[in-house]
Amino acid sequence: MSEDNLSAILYGVNDIRLEQREVPKPGDGQLLIKVNTVGICGSDVHYWTHGAIGSYVVKQPMVLGHETSGTV
């Protein structure tokens, strides 16, 4: 498996950057899922266009895309 992967990182309103990020190493009692597909949903778009949802404000870089499918 690759040691890094391409990630969409939100830095602020209208500021998304594609970056290579290191694949984390699983610890005891954890497993690593090989991600096949990632989707961007409405909350990701809202963070991108507004920098916040409700009381949560993006203050540091945030990885987008939590709608995933993969293989264990």
C-alpha atoms as a PDB file:
ATOM      1  CA  MET A   1       0.000   0.000   0.000  1.00  0.00           C
ATOM      2  CA  SER A   2       1.163   3.544  -0.716  1.00  0.00           C
ATOM      3  CA  GLU A   3       2.882   5.442   2.092  1.00  0.00           C
ATOM      4  CA  ASP A   4       0.936   8.613   1.290  1.00  0.00           C
ATOM      5  CA  ASN A   5      -2.330   9.675  -0.315  1.00  0.00           C
ATOM      6  CA  LEU A   6      -3.835  12.698  -2.040  1.00  0.00           C
ATOM      7  CA  SER A   7      -6.028  14.722   0.322  1.00  0.00           C
ATOM      8  CA  ALA A   8      -8.298  17.768  -0.078  1.00  0.00           C
ATOM      9  CA  ILE A   9      -7.358  20.160   2.729  1.00  0.00           C
ATOM     10  CA  LEU A  10      -9.518  23.161   3.632  1.00  0.00           C
ATOM     11  CA  TYR A  11      -7.454  26.099   4.900  1.00  0.00           C
ATOM     12  CA  GLY A  12     -10.241  28.681   4.931  1.00  0.00           C
ATOM     13  CA  VAL A  13     -13.153  30.056   2.941  1.00  0.00           C
ATOM     14  CA  ASN A  14     -12.644  29.212  -0.755  1.00  0.00           C
ATOM     15  CA  ASP A  15      -9.154  27.831  -0.006  1.00  0.00           C
ATOM     16  CA  ILE A  16      -8.939  24.084  -0.723  1.00  0.00           C
ATOM     17  CA  ARG A  17      -5.539  22.593  -1.552  1.00  0.00           C
ATOM     18  CA  LEU A  18      -4.666  19.109  -2.777  1.00  0.00           C
ATOM     19  CA  GLU A  19      -1.752  17.727  -0.770  1.00  0.00           C
ATOM     20  CA  GLN A  20      -0.007  14.420  -0.264  1.00  0.00           C
ATOM     21  CA  ARG A  21      -0.530  13.255   3.327  1.00  0.00           C
ATOM     22  CA  GLU A  22       1.134  10.362   5.112  1.00  0.00           C
ATOM     23  CA  VAL A  23      -1.039   7.288   5.635  1.00  0.00           C
ATOM     24  CA  PRO A  24      -1.380   6.775   9.409  1.00  0.00           C
ATOM     25  CA  LYS A  25      -0.083   3.580  10.980  1.00  0.00           C
ATOM     26  CA  PRO A  26      -2.767   1.664  12.908  1.00  0.00           C
ATOM     27  CA  GLY A  27      -2.148   1.052  16.595  1.00  0.00           C
ATOM     28  CA  ASP A  28      -3.155  -1.862  18.805  1.00  0.00           C
ATOM     29  CA  GLY A  29      -6.803  -2.800  18.271  1.00  0.00           C
ATOM     30  CA  GLN A  30      -7.043  -0.659  15.116  1.00  0.00           C
ATOM     31  CA  LEU A  31      -7.061  -1.478  11.421  1.00  0.00           C
ATOM     32  CA  LEU A  32      -6.264   0.346   8.206  1.00  0.00           C
ATOM     33  CA  ILE A  33      -8.910   0.593   5.495  1.00  0.00           C
ATOM     34  CA  LYS A  34      -7.803   1.005   1.879  1.00  0.00           C
ATOM     35  CA  VAL A  35     -10.065   3.805   0.650  1.00  0.00           C
ATOM     36  CA  ASN A  36     -11.451   3.215  -2.834  1.00  0.00           C
ATOM     37  CA  THR A  37     -13.716   6.250  -3.185  1.00  0.00           C
ATOM     38  CA  VAL A  38     -14.356   9.479  -1.276  1.00  0.00           C
ATOM     39  CA  GLY A  39     -17.310  11.797  -1.729  1.00  0.00           C
ATOM     40  CA  ILE A  40     -17.773  15.442  -0.843  1.00  0.00           C
ATOM     41  CA  CYS A  41     -21.109  16.154   0.844  1.00  0.00           C
ATOM     42  CA  GLY A  42     -23.122  19.256   1.669  1.00  0.00           C
ATOM     43  CA  SER A  43     -21.315  19.921   4.945  1.00  0.00           C
ATOM     44  CA  ASP A  44     -17.935  19.949   3.149  1.00  0.00           C
ATOM     45  CA  VAL A  45     -19.301  22.471   0.630  1.00  0.00           C
ATOM     46  CA  HIS A  46     -20.670  24.613   3.475  1.00  0.00           C
ATOM     47  CA  TYR A  47     -17.281  24.620   5.252  1.00  0.00           C
ATOM     48  CA  TRP A  48     -15.645  25.620   1.940  1.00  0.00           C
ATOM     49  CA  THR A  49     -18.039  28.490   1.200  1.00  0.00           C
ATOM     50  CA  HIS A  50     -18.637  29.753   4.768  1.00  0.00           C
ATOM     51  CA  GLY A  51     -15.726  28.450   6.878  1.00  0.00           C
ATOM     52  CA  ALA A  52     -18.139  27.237   9.536  1.00  0.00           C
ATOM     53  CA  ILE A  53     -21.258  25.261  10.349  1.00  0.00           C
ATOM     54  CA  GLY A  54     -23.204  26.509  13.352  1.00  0.00           C
ATOM     55  CA  SER A  55     -20.822  27.261  16.211  1.00  0.00           C
ATOM     56  CA  TYR A  56     -17.969  25.192  14.682  1.00  0.00           C
ATOM     57  CA  VAL A  57     -15.512  27.453  12.852  1.00  0.00           C
ATOM     58  CA  VAL A  58     -12.598  26.037  10.833  1.00  0.00           C
ATOM     59  CA  LYS A  59      -9.520  27.507  12.555  1.00  0.00           C
ATOM     60  CA  GLN A  60      -6.860  25.090  11.307  1.00  0.00           C
ATOM     61  CA  PRO A  61      -6.428  22.965   8.169  1.00  0.00           C
ATOM     62  CA  MET A  62      -9.156  20.311   7.886  1.00  0.00           C
ATOM     63  CA  VAL A  63      -9.225  17.218   5.657  1.00  0.00           C
ATOM     64  CA  LEU A  64     -12.459  17.113   3.633  1.00  0.00           C
ATOM     65  CA  GLY A  65     -14.352  14.060   2.440  1.00  0.00           C
ATOM     66  CA  HIS A  66     -15.887  11.794   5.064  1.00  0.00           C
ATOM     67  CA  GLU A  67     -18.211   9.855   2.745  1.00  0.00           C
ATOM     68  CA  THR A  68     -15.984   6.862   1.942  1.00  0.00           C
ATOM     69  CA  SER A  69     -15.974   3.298   0.720  1.00  0.00           C
ATOM     70  CA  GLY A  70     -13.037   0.980   1.127  1.00  0.00           C
ATOM     71  CA  THR A  71     -11.568  -2.459   1.723  1.00  0.00           C
ATOM     72  CA  VAL A  72     -10.350  -3.861   5.033  1.00  0.00           C
END
